[in-house]
Amino acid sequence: MAFDKLNRRLRIKRGVRRRISGTSERPRLTIFKSNKGIYAQIIDDTKGHTLISASSKELGQEKSNVEVSQAVGKKLAEKAVASGIESIVFDRNGYLYHGKVKALADGAREGGLKF
């Protein structure tokens, strides 16, 4: 049983990853949050390669908030569209779809990615 926040998130993450997988046509967008930043990657699971990544550190931000998360989503979408990726599968990595995760997803949609 999941009694703390980390174990609960990991349990949800395992369940989601059983159902979701990124392909060459529709790679997987995954998110990781730390206390200081937010990181996003677009991954091709069939080859096991990270295609594109973006983070709040890349933007020069020391703190992570909703505005920074949205900017990371836009930056990631900008890189993805430039490399020919238009459609993705969204993996929230066990986090609740709220706040920073939602802002990053909205920023990626504004940047031109289709979920």
Protein backbone atom coordinates (compact mmCIF):
# COMPACT_ATOMS: atom_id res chain seq x y z
CA MET A 1 0.00 0.00 0.00
CA ALA A 2 1.04 3.54 -0.65
CA PHE A 3 1.16 5.47 2.59
CA ASP A 4 3.35 8.35 1.60
CA LYS A 5 3.37 10.73 -1.36
CA LEU A 6 6.39 9.24 -3.15
CA ASN A 7 5.18 5.64 -3.00
CA ARG A 8 1.71 6.71 -4.13
CA ARG A 9 3.19 8.52 -7.14
CA LEU A 10 5.40 5.57 -8.07
CA ARG A 11 2.45 3.19 -7.86
CA ILE A 12 0.37 5.40 -10.17
CA LYS A 13 3.39 5.78 -12.48
CA ARG A 14 3.76 2.01 -12.87
CA GLY A 15 0.07 1.67 -13.72
CA VAL A 16 0.22 4.42 -16.33
CA ARG A 17 3.41 3.05 -17.92
CA ARG A 18 1.73 -0.34 -18.35
CA ARG A 19 -0.80 1.32 -20.65
CA ILE A 20 1.25 4.06 -22.35
CA SER A 21 4.21 3.65 -24.66
CA GLY A 22 5.82 6.08 -27.08
CA THR A 23 6.46 5.11 -30.70
CA SER A 24 8.33 6.77 -33.53
CA GLU A 25 5.07 8.22 -34.87
CA ARG A 26 3.73 9.29 -31.43
CA PRO A 27 6.53 9.64 -28.87
CA ARG A 28 5.86 9.99 -25.15
CA LEU A 29 6.13 13.32 -23.33
CA THR A 30 7.12 12.72 -19.71
CA ILE A 31 7.54 15.18 -16.87
CA PHE A 32 9.69 15.23 -13.74
CA LYS A 33 9.36 17.80 -10.97
CA SER A 34 11.95 18.51 -8.31
CA ASN A 35 11.91 21.10 -5.57
CA LYS A 36 13.94 23.48 -7.72
CA GLY A 37 12.86 22.80 -11.29
CA ILE A 38 10.67 21.05 -13.82
CA TYR A 39 11.98 18.84 -16.60
CA ALA A 40 10.27 17.43 -19.69
CA GLN A 41 11.42 14.86 -22.25
CA ILE A 42 10.01 13.46 -25.45
CA ILE A 43 10.95 9.78 -25.63
CA ASP A 44 10.74 7.06 -28.30
CA ASP A 45 10.19 3.92 -26.20
CA THR A 46 10.63 1.48 -29.09
CA LYS A 47 14.25 2.60 -29.54
CA GLY A 48 14.79 3.73 -25.95
CA HIS A 49 16.00 7.19 -26.98
CA THR A 50 15.27 10.66 -25.66
CA LEU A 51 14.47 12.75 -28.71
CA ILE A 52 14.02 16.21 -27.16
CA SER A 53 14.30 17.67 -23.69
CA ALA A 54 13.64 21.00 -21.99
CA SER A 55 13.89 22.21 -18.43
CA SER A 56 13.55 25.26 -16.26
CA LYS A 57 17.34 25.21 -15.81
CA GLU A 58 17.71 25.57 -19.58
CA LEU A 59 15.62 28.74 -19.42
CA GLY A 60 17.83 30.11 -16.64
CA GLN A 61 15.13 30.01 -13.98
CA GLU A 62 16.10 29.20 -10.40
CA LYS A 63 12.58 28.59 -9.12
CA SER A 64 9.84 26.55 -10.72
CA ASN A 65 6.32 27.97 -10.79
CA VAL A 66 3.33 27.81 -13.11
CA GLU A 67 4.63 30.51 -15.48
CA VAL A 68 8.03 28.83 -15.78
CA SER A 69 6.34 25.47 -16.36
CA GLN A 70 4.29 26.92 -19.19
CA ALA A 71 7.44 28.42 -20.74
CA VAL A 72 9.16 25.01 -20.55
CA GLY A 73 6.17 23.47 -22.35
CA LYS A 74 6.33 26.09 -25.10
CA LYS A 75 10.11 25.62 -25.49
CA LEU A 76 9.70 21.85 -25.72
CA ALA A 77 6.92 22.18 -28.31
CA GLU A 78 9.03 24.62 -30.31
CA LYS A 79 11.90 22.12 -30.44
CA ALA A 80 9.54 19.23 -31.27
CA VAL A 81 7.82 21.03 -34.15
CA ALA A 82 11.22 22.04 -35.53
CA SER A 83 12.30 18.38 -35.55
CA GLY A 84 9.05 17.19 -37.16
CA ILE A 85 7.11 15.87 -34.15
CA GLU A 86 3.49 17.01 -34.07
CA SER A 87 1.58 14.37 -32.10
CA ILE A 88 2.57 12.91 -28.73
CA VAL A 89 1.33 10.72 -25.88
CA PHE A 90 1.27 12.55 -22.52
CA ASP A 91 2.73 10.82 -19.46
CA ARG A 92 2.19 12.84 -16.29
CA ASN A 93 4.56 10.46 -14.46
CA GLY A 94 2.22 9.85 -11.52
CA TYR A 95 1.75 13.53 -10.70
CA LEU A 96 -1.71 15.06 -10.40
CA TYR A 97 -2.85 16.89 -13.55
CA HIS A 98 -2.94 20.23 -11.76
CA GLY A 99 -0.74 23.27 -11.32
CA LYS A 100 2.72 22.94 -12.88
CA VAL A 101 1.93 19.74 -14.79
CA LYS A 102 -1.19 21.26 -16.32
CA ALA A 103 0.69 24.47 -17.16
CA LEU A 104 3.43 22.53 -18.94
CA ALA A 105 0.83 20.57 -20.92
CA ASP A 106 -1.02 23.77 -21.86
CA GLY A 107 2.24 25.40 -22.94
CA ALA A 108 3.05 22.40 -25.14
CA ARG A 109 -0.41 22.58 -26.73
CA GLU A 110 0.02 26.31 -27.37
CA GLY A 111 3.36 25.55 -28.98
CA GLY A 112 1.71 23.25 -31.52
CA LEU A 113 1.80 19.73 -30.08
CA LYS A 114 -1.29 17.52 -30.30
CA PHE A 115 -2.04 15.15 -27.41
